[in-house]
Amino acid sequence: MASASDTALIAVNLGTPDAPTAAAVRRYLGEFLGDPRVVSIPPLLWKPLLHGLILPLRSPRSAANYAKVWMEEGSPLLVHTRRLTERLQERLPQWRVLPAMRYGAPALRTALRELRADGVRRLVVLPLYPQYSTTTTASVADLVAEETQGMDVTLIEDYSSDAGWVAAVAASIVRYRHQHGGGRHLLFSFHGLPQRIADAGDPYPQRCVDSANAVAAALGLEPAQWSLSYQSRFGRERWLEPSTLSELDRLAATGVREVDVVCPGFAVDCIETLEEVALGLAEHFKAKGGRLAYIPCLNDAPAHADALARLACRAAGCEA
């Protein structure tokens, strides 16, 4: 086994454009939506549609949404991922810990090549997707397999029910409700997935259910006090149900006027949580006569870094 000083940890997130501009978003979406793990339409059919219609139409709209949540230091997803990685480095001082993005920069492929060139022998790869899916974690696994021949590599595929992570999520909800008041309905909103992918055997929906059940149990919630939904739909095909939008409509129709939304499928805050939920869906629910409060992701919270560091140590066979 390699010593701790020969060990590296890469914390991999999805990715983000370099700037909140149409050109930067187009480059990013071109790479993201060009991954056959993300969109499985045959390239001869998909690429002309993607580059000729979807990217020209979607990029300016997405850029405007990114601009609403862009931070002084850059994209929220990148800023929070870097901060989380810094916290992990503090907990794993003998390791080399670095962030990477599956799409965009800092590129995962570049990071893997640099580590291999530097002679790193033991590598732990942590995709920051708590719930495994073929559309996310498996794409990271594909690229890692291409670039790490001869290295001792462990990929952490899923931590949807990890006790430390569940406790960290539950504690963040308790802390938020202590500061802002509790007793409201709790909605777990996960990123969506086309239904056909789930029908083909992707375990993601069950992993989301497992996460929500575990956190709800840790909070001592009764079934009527919480529900689960899926956000961020794209295209016209059928996606996992219920959508977060339709679930909010259902809650409003039953007289629920206050909802807390938490997004435990996202390790750190990003456009999907900040613009789509905290701004867009909050405005939608307000129009229905209700008030939506968004509970932030774990980001670089100490409990989050502690849980992920323990995961990495277990994967490497060392003490946490």
C-alpha atoms as a PDB file:
ATOM      1  CA  MET A   1       0.000   0.000   0.000  1.00  0.00           C
ATOM      2  CA  ALA A   2       1.180   3.503  -0.753  1.00  0.00           C
ATOM      3  CA  SER A   3       2.015   5.746   2.184  1.00  0.00           C
ATOM      4  CA  ALA A   4      -0.187   8.705   3.052  1.00  0.00           C
ATOM      5  CA  SER A   5       2.328  11.055   1.440  1.00  0.00           C
ATOM      6  CA  ASP A   6       1.859   9.194  -1.858  1.00  0.00           C
ATOM      7  CA  THR A   7      -1.916   9.572  -1.715  1.00  0.00           C
ATOM      8  CA  ALA A   8      -4.095  12.119  -3.490  1.00  0.00           C
ATOM      9  CA  LEU A   9      -7.787  12.910  -3.254  1.00  0.00           C
ATOM     10  CA  ILE A  10      -9.675  14.526  -6.113  1.00  0.00           C
ATOM     11  CA  ALA A  11     -13.066  15.983  -5.227  1.00  0.00           C
ATOM     12  CA  VAL A  12     -14.964  16.090  -8.514  1.00  0.00           C
ATOM     13  CA  ASN A  13     -17.973  18.267  -9.180  1.00  0.00           C
ATOM     14  CA  LEU A  14     -20.067  18.592 -12.310  1.00  0.00           C
ATOM     15  CA  GLY A  15     -18.695  21.831 -13.709  1.00  0.00           C
ATOM     16  CA  THR A  16     -19.509  25.421 -14.528  1.00  0.00           C
ATOM     17  CA  PRO A  17     -18.886  28.057 -17.171  1.00  0.00           C
ATOM     18  CA  ASP A  18     -15.919  30.379 -16.698  1.00  0.00           C
ATOM     19  CA  ALA A  19     -18.106  33.480 -16.806  1.00  0.00           C
ATOM     20  CA  PRO A  20     -21.811  34.403 -16.833  1.00  0.00           C
ATOM     21  CA  THR A  21     -21.723  35.098 -20.561  1.00  0.00           C
ATOM     22  CA  ALA A  22     -23.431  33.410 -23.485  1.00  0.00           C
ATOM     23  CA  ALA A  23     -20.101  32.423 -25.048  1.00  0.00           C
ATOM     24  CA  ALA A  24     -18.758  30.847 -21.849  1.00  0.00           C
ATOM     25  CA  VAL A  25     -22.029  29.062 -21.141  1.00  0.00           C
ATOM     26  CA  ARG A  26     -22.132  27.750 -24.694  1.00  0.00           C
ATOM     27  CA  ARG A  27     -18.641  26.238 -24.339  1.00  0.00           C
ATOM     28  CA  TYR A  28     -19.570  24.625 -21.059  1.00  0.00           C
ATOM     29  CA  LEU A  29     -22.940  23.275 -22.191  1.00  0.00           C
ATOM     30  CA  GLY A  30     -21.376  21.986 -25.390  1.00  0.00           C
ATOM     31  CA  GLU A  31     -19.031  19.791 -23.366  1.00  0.00           C
ATOM     32  CA  PHE A  32     -21.650  18.809 -20.795  1.00  0.00           C
ATOM     33  CA  LEU A  33     -24.479  17.984 -23.195  1.00  0.00           C
ATOM     34  CA  GLY A  34     -22.022  16.376 -25.599  1.00  0.00           C
ATOM     35  CA  ASP A  35     -21.271  13.600 -23.090  1.00  0.00           C
ATOM     36  CA  PRO A  36     -23.122  10.438 -24.179  1.00  0.00           C
ATOM     37  CA  ARG A  37     -23.600   9.573 -20.493  1.00  0.00           C
ATOM     38  CA  VAL A  38     -25.690  12.741 -20.170  1.00  0.00           C
ATOM     39  CA  VAL A  39     -27.545  12.590 -23.493  1.00  0.00           C
ATOM     40  CA  SER A  40     -27.657   9.141 -25.082  1.00  0.00           C
ATOM     41  CA  ILE A  41     -29.067  10.192 -28.459  1.00  0.00           C
ATOM     42  CA  PRO A  42     -26.813   8.974 -31.322  1.00  0.00           C
ATOM     43  CA  PRO A  43     -24.224  11.695 -32.073  1.00  0.00           C
ATOM     44  CA  LEU A  44     -25.176  11.938 -35.757  1.00  0.00           C
ATOM     45  CA  LEU A  45     -28.636  13.037 -34.675  1.00  0.00           C
ATOM     46  CA  TRP A  46     -27.770  14.888 -31.477  1.00  0.00           C
ATOM     47  CA  LYS A  47     -24.781  17.059 -32.429  1.00  0.00           C
ATOM     48  CA  PRO A  48     -26.485  19.015 -35.225  1.00  0.00           C
ATOM     49  CA  LEU A  49     -29.464  19.631 -32.938  1.00  0.00           C
ATOM     50  CA  LEU A  50     -27.245  20.576 -30.004  1.00  0.00           C
ATOM     51  CA  HIS A  51     -24.987  22.992 -31.868  1.00  0.00           C
ATOM     52  CA  GLY A  52     -27.519  24.266 -34.358  1.00  0.00           C
ATOM     53  CA  LEU A  53     -30.524  24.884 -32.141  1.00  0.00           C
ATOM     54  CA  ILE A  54     -30.189  24.107 -28.434  1.00  0.00           C
ATOM     55  CA  LEU A  55     -26.939  25.902 -27.615  1.00  0.00           C
ATOM     56  CA  PRO A  56     -27.769  29.111 -29.534  1.00  0.00           C
ATOM     57  CA  LEU A  57     -31.151  29.326 -27.796  1.00  0.00           C
ATOM     58  CA  ARG A  58     -30.260  28.102 -24.322  1.00  0.00           C
ATOM     59  CA  SER A  59     -26.870  29.749 -23.766  1.00  0.00           C
ATOM     60  CA  PRO A  60     -28.055  33.394 -23.499  1.00  0.00           C
ATOM     61  CA  ARG A  61     -30.902  32.423 -21.145  1.00  0.00           C
ATOM     62  CA  SER A  62     -28.613  30.331 -18.962  1.00  0.00           C
ATOM     63  CA  ALA A  63     -26.020  33.113 -18.892  1.00  0.00           C
ATOM     64  CA  ALA A  64     -28.631  35.523 -17.564  1.00  0.00           C
ATOM     65  CA  ASN A  65     -29.499  33.058 -14.814  1.00  0.00           C
ATOM     66  CA  TYR A  66     -25.850  32.556 -13.891  1.00  0.00           C
ATOM     67  CA  ALA A  67     -25.456  36.335 -13.643  1.00  0.00           C
ATOM     68  CA  LYS A  68     -28.153  36.431 -10.944  1.00  0.00           C
ATOM     69  CA  VAL A  69     -26.101  34.261  -8.581  1.00  0.00           C
ATOM     70  CA  TRP A  70     -22.505  34.887  -9.704  1.00  0.00           C
ATOM     71  CA  MET A  71     -20.178  35.605  -6.783  1.00  0.00           C
ATOM     72  CA  GLU A  72     -17.304  38.071  -6.624  1.00  0.00           C
ATOM     73  CA  GLU A  73     -14.870  35.115  -6.676  1.00  0.00           C
ATOM     74  CA  GLY A  74     -16.669  33.392  -9.560  1.00  0.00           C
ATOM     75  CA  SER A  75     -19.260  30.695 -10.087  1.00  0.00           C
ATOM     76  CA  PRO A  76     -20.894  29.559  -6.818  1.00  0.00           C
ATOM     77  CA  LEU A  77     -20.285  25.904  -7.630  1.00  0.00           C
ATOM     78  CA  LEU A  78     -16.568  26.477  -8.212  1.00  0.00           C
ATOM     79  CA  VAL A  79     -16.142  28.823  -5.246  1.00  0.00           C
ATOM     80  CA  HIS A  80     -17.838  26.461  -2.803  1.00  0.00           C
ATOM     81  CA  THR A  81     -16.087  23.387  -4.223  1.00  0.00           C
ATOM     82  CA  ARG A  82     -12.703  25.038  -3.774  1.00  0.00           C
ATOM     83  CA  ARG A  83     -13.549  26.044  -0.216  1.00  0.00           C
ATOM     84  CA  LEU A  84     -14.704  22.520   0.583  1.00  0.00           C
ATOM     85  CA  THR A  85     -11.486  21.116  -0.874  1.00  0.00           C
ATOM     86  CA  GLU A  86      -9.476  23.463   1.345  1.00  0.00           C
ATOM     87  CA  ARG A  87     -11.330  22.120   4.381  1.00  0.00           C
ATOM     88  CA  LEU A  88     -10.591  18.558   3.237  1.00  0.00           C
ATOM     89  CA  GLN A  89      -6.903  19.398   2.860  1.00  0.00           C
ATOM     90  CA  GLU A  90      -6.877  20.639   6.466  1.00  0.00           C
ATOM     91  CA  ARG A  91      -8.277  17.277   7.596  1.00  0.00           C
ATOM     92  CA  LEU A  92      -5.940  15.232   5.396  1.00  0.00           C
ATOM     93  CA  PRO A  93      -2.638  17.128   5.747  1.00  0.00           C
ATOM     94  CA  GLN A  94      -0.464  14.286   4.461  1.00  0.00           C
ATOM     95  CA  TRP A  95      -2.522  13.907   1.309  1.00  0.00           C
ATOM     96  CA  ARG A  96      -2.595  16.008  -1.798  1.00  0.00           C
ATOM     97  CA  VAL A  97      -6.199  17.240  -2.115  1.00  0.00           C
ATOM     98  CA  LEU A  98      -7.491  19.089  -5.135  1.00  0.00           C
ATOM     99  CA  PRO A  99     -10.767  20.038  -6.810  1.00  0.00           C
ATOM    100  CA  ALA A 100     -11.721  19.128 -10.367  1.00  0.00           C
ATOM    101  CA  MET A 101     -14.670  19.504 -12.702  1.00  0.00           C
ATOM    102  CA  ARG A 102     -16.010  16.827 -15.013  1.00  0.00           C
ATOM    103  CA  TYR A 103     -16.855  19.587 -17.495  1.00  0.00           C
ATOM    104  CA  GLY A 104     -15.077  22.916 -17.693  1.00  0.00           C
ATOM    105  CA  ALA A 105     -12.155  23.992 -15.508  1.00  0.00           C
ATOM    106  CA  PRO A 106     -10.258  22.906 -13.512  1.00  0.00           C
ATOM    107  CA  ALA A 107     -10.579  19.882 -15.770  1.00  0.00           C
ATOM    108  CA  LEU A 108     -10.602  16.409 -14.275  1.00  0.00           C
ATOM    109  CA  ARG A 109      -8.591  14.974 -17.162  1.00  0.00           C
ATOM    110  CA  THR A 110      -5.826  17.550 -16.647  1.00  0.00           C
ATOM    111  CA  ALA A 111      -5.732  16.906 -12.894  1.00  0.00           C
ATOM    112  CA  LEU A 112      -5.442  13.149 -13.408  1.00  0.00           C
ATOM    113  CA  ARG A 113      -2.602  13.541 -15.900  1.00  0.00           C
ATOM    114  CA  GLU A 114      -0.711  15.901 -13.586  1.00  0.00           C
ATOM    115  CA  LEU A 115      -1.006  13.525 -10.634  1.00  0.00           C
ATOM    116  CA  ARG A 116       0.166  10.608 -12.725  1.00  0.00           C
ATOM    117  CA  ALA A 117       3.126  12.630 -14.043  1.00  0.00           C
ATOM    118  CA  ASP A 118       4.004  13.620 -10.466  1.00  0.00           C
ATOM    119  CA  GLY A 119       4.238   9.979  -9.465  1.00  0.00           C
ATOM    120  CA  VAL A 120       1.179   9.786  -7.232  1.00  0.00           C
ATOM    121  CA  ARG A 121       0.645   6.100  -6.520  1.00  0.00           C
ATOM    122  CA  ARG A 122      -2.612   6.037  -4.536  1.00  0.00           C
ATOM    123  CA  LEU A 123      -5.626   8.002  -5.729  1.00  0.00           C
ATOM    124  CA  VAL A 124      -9.052   8.396  -4.176  1.00  0.00           C
ATOM    125  CA  VAL A 125     -11.679   9.962  -6.437  1.00  0.00           C
ATOM    126  CA  LEU A 126     -14.694  11.481  -4.717  1.00  0.00           C
ATOM    127  CA  PRO A 127     -17.470  12.554  -7.089  1.00  0.00           C
ATOM    128  CA  LEU A 128     -19.470  15.152  -5.167  1.00  0.00           C
ATOM    129  CA  TYR A 129     -22.715  13.419  -6.114  1.00  0.00           C
ATOM    130  CA  PRO A 130     -24.078  11.744  -2.966  1.00  0.00           C
ATOM    131  CA  GLN A 131     -26.493   9.596  -4.994  1.00  0.00           C
ATOM    132  CA  TYR A 132     -24.982   7.409  -7.729  1.00  0.00           C
ATOM    133  CA  SER A 133     -26.245   7.756 -11.292  1.00  0.00           C
ATOM    134  CA  THR A 134     -24.981   6.541 -14.629  1.00  0.00           C
ATOM    135  CA  THR A 135     -25.351  10.136 -15.857  1.00  0.00           C
ATOM    136  CA  THR A 136     -22.966  11.592 -13.273  1.00  0.00           C
ATOM    137  CA  THR A 137     -20.772   9.246 -11.240  1.00  0.00           C
ATOM    138  CA  ALA A 138     -20.371   6.761 -14.092  1.00  0.00           C
ATOM    139  CA  SER A 139     -19.155   9.535 -16.389  1.00  0.00           C
ATOM    140  CA  VAL A 140     -16.446  10.385 -13.861  1.00  0.00           C
ATOM    141  CA  ALA A 141     -15.556   6.685 -13.661  1.00  0.00           C
ATOM    142  CA  ASP A 142     -15.214   6.492 -17.456  1.00  0.00           C
ATOM    143  CA  LEU A 143     -12.691   9.313 -17.567  1.00  0.00           C
ATOM    144  CA  VAL A 144     -10.780   8.099 -14.522  1.00  0.00           C
ATOM    145  CA  ALA A 145     -10.409   4.658 -16.106  1.00  0.00           C
ATOM    146  CA  GLU A 146      -8.965   6.252 -19.257  1.00  0.00           C
ATOM    147  CA  GLU A 147      -6.318   8.278 -17.433  1.00  0.00           C
ATOM    148  CA  THR A 148      -5.120   6.189 -14.482  1.00  0.00           C
ATOM    149  CA  GLN A 149      -3.658   3.000 -15.913  1.00  0.00           C
ATOM    150  CA  GLY A 150      -1.096   1.637 -13.487  1.00  0.00           C
ATOM    151  CA  MET A 151      -2.323   3.687 -10.527  1.00  0.00           C
ATOM    152  CA  ASP A 152      -4.013   2.356  -7.415  1.00  0.00           C
ATOM    153  CA  VAL A 153      -7.407   4.054  -7.699  1.00  0.00           C
ATOM    154  CA  THR A 154     -10.522   3.943  -5.537  1.00  0.00           C
ATOM    155  CA  LEU A 155     -13.694   5.637  -6.724  1.00  0.00           C
ATOM    156  CA  ILE A 156     -16.268   6.485  -4.070  1.00  0.00           C
ATOM    157  CA  GLU A 157     -19.417   5.728  -6.023  1.00  0.00           C
ATOM    158  CA  ASP A 158     -22.138   6.643  -3.555  1.00  0.00           C
ATOM    159  CA  TYR A 159     -22.638   8.014  -0.072  1.00  0.00           C
ATOM    160  CA  SER A 160     -26.390   8.498  -0.153  1.00  0.00           C
ATOM    161  CA  SER A 161     -26.885   6.814   3.230  1.00  0.00           C
ATOM    162  CA  ASP A 162     -23.500   7.407   4.834  1.00  0.00           C
ATOM    163  CA  ALA A 163     -24.089   8.053   8.538  1.00  0.00           C
ATOM    164  CA  GLY A 164     -21.719  11.026   8.749  1.00  0.00           C
ATOM    165  CA  TRP A 165     -23.164  12.714   5.695  1.00  0.00           C
ATOM    166  CA  VAL A 166     -26.764  12.096   6.807  1.00  0.00           C
ATOM    167  CA  ALA A 167     -25.970  13.552  10.228  1.00  0.00           C
ATOM    168  CA  ALA A 168     -24.397  16.625   8.607  1.00  0.00           C
ATOM    169  CA  VAL A 169     -27.453  17.246   6.411  1.00  0.00           C
ATOM    170  CA  ALA A 170     -29.835  16.748   9.334  1.00  0.00           C
ATOM    171  CA  ALA A 171     -27.806  19.075  11.551  1.00  0.00           C
ATOM    172  CA  SER A 172     -27.824  21.787   8.896  1.00  0.00           C
ATOM    173  CA  ILE A 173     -31.632  21.620   8.746  1.00  0.00           C
ATOM    174  CA  VAL A 174     -31.918  21.746  12.532  1.00  0.00           C
ATOM    175  CA  ARG A 175     -29.550  24.714  12.645  1.00  0.00           C
ATOM    176  CA  TYR A 176     -31.464  26.575   9.933  1.00  0.00           C
ATOM    177  CA  ARG A 177     -34.798  25.982  11.624  1.00  0.00           C
ATOM    178  CA  HIS A 178     -33.411  27.027  14.982  1.00  0.00           C
ATOM    179  CA  GLN A 179     -32.383  30.339  13.426  1.00  0.00           C
ATOM    180  CA  HIS A 180     -35.445  30.881  11.240  1.00  0.00           C
ATOM    181  CA  GLY A 181     -38.210  28.939  12.949  1.00  0.00           C
ATOM    182  CA  GLY A 182     -39.350  25.364  12.447  1.00  0.00           C
ATOM    183  CA  GLY A 183     -42.509  23.372  11.949  1.00  0.00           C
ATOM    184  CA  ARG A 184     -42.880  23.969   8.242  1.00  0.00           C
ATOM    185  CA  HIS A 185     -43.243  21.244   5.625  1.00  0.00           C
ATOM    186  CA  LEU A 186     -39.833  19.993   4.479  1.00  0.00           C
ATOM    187  CA  LEU A 187     -39.391  19.300   0.775  1.00  0.00           C
ATOM    188  CA  PHE A 188     -36.372  17.313  -0.427  1.00  0.00           C
ATOM    189  CA  SER A 189     -35.646  18.460  -3.982  1.00  0.00           C
ATOM    190  CA  PHE A 190     -33.220  16.331  -5.996  1.00  0.00           C
ATOM    191  CA  HIS A 191     -31.951  16.867  -9.526  1.00  0.00           C
ATOM    192  CA  GLY A 192     -34.210  15.158 -12.039  1.00  0.00           C
ATOM    193  CA  LEU A 193     -33.508  12.322 -14.437  1.00  0.00           C
ATOM    194  CA  PRO A 194     -35.319  11.134 -17.572  1.00  0.00           C
ATOM    195  CA  GLN A 195     -37.656   8.288 -16.639  1.00  0.00           C
ATOM    196  CA  ARG A 196     -36.258   6.051 -19.405  1.00  0.00           C
ATOM    197  CA  ILE A 197     -32.842   6.088 -17.688  1.00  0.00           C
ATOM    198  CA  ALA A 198     -34.399   4.939 -14.427  1.00  0.00           C
ATOM    199  CA  ASP A 199     -36.404   2.311 -16.332  1.00  0.00           C
ATOM    200  CA  ALA A 200     -33.133   1.020 -17.790  1.00  0.00           C
ATOM    201  CA  GLY A 201     -31.874   0.253 -14.301  1.00  0.00           C
ATOM    202  CA  ASP A 202     -30.223   3.433 -13.043  1.00  0.00           C
ATOM    203  CA  PRO A 203     -30.455   3.228  -9.213  1.00  0.00           C
ATOM    204  CA  TYR A 204     -30.533   7.006  -8.743  1.00  0.00           C
ATOM    205  CA  PRO A 205     -34.236   7.360  -7.799  1.00  0.00           C
ATOM    206  CA  GLN A 206     -33.931   4.763  -5.040  1.00  0.00           C
ATOM    207  CA  ARG A 207     -30.747   6.391  -3.765  1.00  0.00           C
ATOM    208  CA  CYS A 208     -32.610   9.709  -3.516  1.00  0.00           C
ATOM    209  CA  VAL A 209     -35.407   8.002  -1.592  1.00  0.00           C
ATOM    210  CA  ASP A 210     -32.820   6.389   0.686  1.00  0.00           C
ATOM    211  CA  SER A 211     -31.215   9.778   1.400  1.00  0.00           C
ATOM    212  CA  ALA A 212     -34.502  11.509   2.126  1.00  0.00           C
ATOM    213  CA  ASN A 213     -35.696   8.674   4.367  1.00  0.00           C
ATOM    214  CA  ALA A 214     -32.428   8.675   6.312  1.00  0.00           C
ATOM    215  CA  VAL A 215     -32.416  12.439   6.869  1.00  0.00           C
ATOM    216  CA  ALA A 216     -36.122  12.498   7.761  1.00  0.00           C
ATOM    217  CA  ALA A 217     -35.541   9.691  10.275  1.00  0.00           C
ATOM    218  CA  ALA A 218     -32.605  11.563  11.798  1.00  0.00           C
ATOM    219  CA  LEU A 219     -34.878  14.582  12.192  1.00  0.00           C
ATOM    220  CA  GLY A 220     -37.693  12.495  13.681  1.00  0.00           C
ATOM    221  CA  LEU A 221     -40.167  13.638  11.032  1.00  0.00           C
ATOM    222  CA  GLU A 222     -43.514  11.974  10.431  1.00  0.00           C
ATOM    223  CA  PRO A 223     -44.396  11.065   6.784  1.00  0.00           C
ATOM    224  CA  ALA A 224     -46.855  13.962   6.504  1.00  0.00           C
ATOM    225  CA  GLN A 225     -44.164  16.464   7.494  1.00  0.00           C
ATOM    226  CA  TRP A 226     -41.986  15.970   4.427  1.00  0.00           C
ATOM    227  CA  SER A 227     -42.023  14.980   0.760  1.00  0.00           C
ATOM    228  CA  LEU A 228     -39.628  14.374  -2.122  1.00  0.00           C
ATOM    229  CA  SER A 229     -39.465  15.820  -5.635  1.00  0.00           C
ATOM    230  CA  TYR A 230     -37.183  16.283  -8.644  1.00  0.00           C
ATOM    231  CA  GLN A 231     -36.098  19.547 -10.270  1.00  0.00           C
ATOM    232  CA  SER A 232     -34.137  20.855 -13.280  1.00  0.00           C
ATOM    233  CA  ARG A 233     -36.009  19.209 -16.122  1.00  0.00           C
ATOM    234  CA  PHE A 234     -34.697  19.570 -19.666  1.00  0.00           C
ATOM    235  CA  GLY A 235     -36.384  18.683 -22.936  1.00  0.00           C
ATOM    236  CA  ARG A 236     -39.804  17.209 -23.593  1.00  0.00           C
ATOM    237  CA  GLU A 237     -39.452  13.610 -22.531  1.00  0.00           C
ATOM    238  CA  ARG A 238     -40.908  12.198 -19.316  1.00  0.00           C
ATOM    239  CA  TRP A 239     -38.789  12.761 -16.205  1.00  0.00           C
ATOM    240  CA  LEU A 240     -38.943  11.448 -12.661  1.00  0.00           C
ATOM    241  CA  GLU A 241     -42.061  12.447 -10.778  1.00  0.00           C
ATOM    242  CA  PRO A 242     -43.155  14.443  -9.001  1.00  0.00           C
ATOM    243  CA  SER A 243     -41.433  17.560 -10.264  1.00  0.00           C
ATOM    244  CA  THR A 244     -40.580  20.110  -7.604  1.00  0.00           C
ATOM    245  CA  LEU A 245     -42.836  22.607  -9.348  1.00  0.00           C
ATOM    246  CA  SER A 246     -45.826  20.252  -9.306  1.00  0.00           C
ATOM    247  CA  GLU A 247     -45.150  19.234  -5.709  1.00  0.00           C
ATOM    248  CA  LEU A 248     -45.178  22.867  -4.628  1.00  0.00           C
ATOM    249  CA  ASP A 249     -48.460  23.316  -6.480  1.00  0.00           C
ATOM    250  CA  ARG A 250     -49.874  20.264  -4.697  1.00  0.00           C
ATOM    251  CA  LEU A 251     -48.793  21.548  -1.326  1.00  0.00           C
ATOM    252  CA  ALA A 252     -50.321  24.956  -2.025  1.00  0.00           C
ATOM    253  CA  ALA A 253     -53.572  23.322  -3.110  1.00  0.00           C
ATOM    254  CA  THR A 254     -53.765  21.414   0.179  1.00  0.00           C
ATOM    255  CA  GLY A 255     -53.346  24.601   2.192  1.00  0.00           C
ATOM    256  CA  VAL A 256     -49.636  24.426   2.990  1.00  0.00           C
ATOM    257  CA  ARG A 257     -48.365  28.001   3.126  1.00  0.00           C
ATOM    258  CA  GLU A 258     -44.806  27.585   4.393  1.00  0.00           C
ATOM    259  CA  VAL A 259     -42.250  25.182   2.930  1.00  0.00           C
ATOM    260  CA  ASP A 260     -38.565  24.638   3.647  1.00  0.00           C
ATOM    261  CA  VAL A 261     -36.696  23.223   0.641  1.00  0.00           C
ATOM    262  CA  VAL A 262     -33.412  21.347   0.994  1.00  0.00           C
ATOM    263  CA  CYS A 263     -31.402  19.936  -1.933  1.00  0.00           C
ATOM    264  CA  PRO A 264     -29.259  17.060  -0.596  1.00  0.00           C
ATOM    265  CA  GLY A 265     -28.351  15.834  -4.062  1.00  0.00           C
ATOM    266  CA  PHE A 266     -26.048  18.846  -4.410  1.00  0.00           C
ATOM    267  CA  ALA A 267     -22.883  18.933  -2.308  1.00  0.00           C
ATOM    268  CA  VAL A 268     -22.514  22.690  -2.747  1.00  0.00           C
ATOM    269  CA  ASP A 269     -24.735  25.510  -3.860  1.00  0.00           C
ATOM    270  CA  CYS A 270     -24.919  26.226  -7.567  1.00  0.00           C
ATOM    271  CA  ILE A 271     -27.249  27.672 -10.195  1.00  0.00           C
ATOM    272  CA  GLU A 272     -29.774  24.866  -9.677  1.00  0.00           C
ATOM    273  CA  THR A 273     -30.139  25.589  -5.975  1.00  0.00           C
ATOM    274  CA  LEU A 274     -29.622  29.355  -5.876  1.00  0.00           C
ATOM    275  CA  GLU A 275     -31.336  30.527  -9.050  1.00  0.00           C
ATOM    276  CA  GLU A 276     -33.821  27.735  -9.728  1.00  0.00           C
ATOM    277  CA  VAL A 277     -34.966  27.048  -6.156  1.00  0.00           C
ATOM    278  CA  ALA A 278     -34.096  29.974  -3.880  1.00  0.00           C
ATOM    279  CA  LEU A 279     -35.167  32.563  -6.468  1.00  0.00           C
ATOM    280  CA  GLY A 280     -37.383  31.013  -9.161  1.00  0.00           C
ATOM    281  CA  LEU A 281     -39.391  28.444  -7.240  1.00  0.00           C
ATOM    282  CA  ALA A 282     -39.665  30.745  -4.235  1.00  0.00           C
ATOM    283  CA  GLU A 283     -41.300  33.331  -6.507  1.00  0.00           C
ATOM    284  CA  HIS A 284     -43.595  30.677  -7.978  1.00  0.00           C
ATOM    285  CA  PHE A 285     -44.728  29.515  -4.530  1.00  0.00           C
ATOM    286  CA  LYS A 286     -45.224  33.102  -3.419  1.00  0.00           C
ATOM    287  CA  ALA A 287     -47.635  33.596  -6.325  1.00  0.00           C
ATOM    288  CA  LYS A 288     -49.584  30.632  -4.918  1.00  0.00           C
ATOM    289  CA  GLY A 289     -49.891  32.428  -1.593  1.00  0.00           C
ATOM    290  CA  GLY A 290     -47.057  30.643   0.150  1.00  0.00           C
ATOM    291  CA  ARG A 291     -43.532  31.260   1.406  1.00  0.00           C
ATOM    292  CA  LEU A 292     -40.608  29.076   0.379  1.00  0.00           C
ATOM    293  CA  ALA A 293     -37.429  29.130   2.455  1.00  0.00           C
ATOM    294  CA  TYR A 294     -34.344  27.558   0.927  1.00  0.00           C
ATOM    295  CA  ILE A 295     -31.928  25.719   3.252  1.00  0.00           C
ATOM    296  CA  PRO A 296     -28.395  26.057   1.838  1.00  0.00           C
ATOM    297  CA  CYS A 297     -26.275  23.078   0.811  1.00  0.00           C
ATOM    298  CA  LEU A 298     -23.585  21.850   3.167  1.00  0.00           C
ATOM    299  CA  ASN A 299     -20.892  23.690   1.177  1.00  0.00           C
ATOM    300  CA  ASP A 300     -17.694  23.895   3.274  1.00  0.00           C
ATOM    301  CA  ALA A 301     -19.382  23.322   6.650  1.00  0.00           C
ATOM    302  CA  PRO A 302     -17.041  21.564   9.108  1.00  0.00           C
ATOM    303  CA  ALA A 303     -19.406  18.601   9.479  1.00  0.00           C
ATOM    304  CA  HIS A 304     -19.479  18.177   5.705  1.00  0.00           C
ATOM    305  CA  ALA A 305     -15.695  18.180   5.439  1.00  0.00           C
ATOM    306  CA  ASP A 306     -15.463  15.793   8.385  1.00  0.00           C
ATOM    307  CA  ALA A 307     -17.874  13.328   6.773  1.00  0.00           C
ATOM    308  CA  LEU A 308     -16.157  13.406   3.382  1.00  0.00           C
ATOM    309  CA  ALA A 309     -12.688  13.094   4.918  1.00  0.00           C
ATOM    310  CA  ARG A 310     -13.844   9.984   6.769  1.00  0.00           C
ATOM    311  CA  LEU A 311     -15.238   8.583   3.527  1.00  0.00           C
ATOM    312  CA  ALA A 312     -11.915   9.170   1.787  1.00  0.00           C
ATOM    313  CA  CYS A 313      -9.929   7.614   4.623  1.00  0.00           C
ATOM    314  CA  ARG A 314     -12.084   4.507   4.622  1.00  0.00           C
ATOM    315  CA  ALA A 315     -11.665   4.225   0.862  1.00  0.00           C
ATOM    316  CA  ALA A 316      -7.891   4.434   1.217  1.00  0.00           C
ATOM    317  CA  GLY A 317      -7.807   1.991   4.115  1.00  0.00           C
ATOM    318  CA  CYS A 318      -6.400   4.472   6.603  1.00  0.00           C
ATOM    319  CA  GLU A 319      -7.585   5.859   9.919  1.00  0.00           C
ATOM    320  CA  ALA A 320     -10.214   8.633   9.762  1.00  0.00           C
END
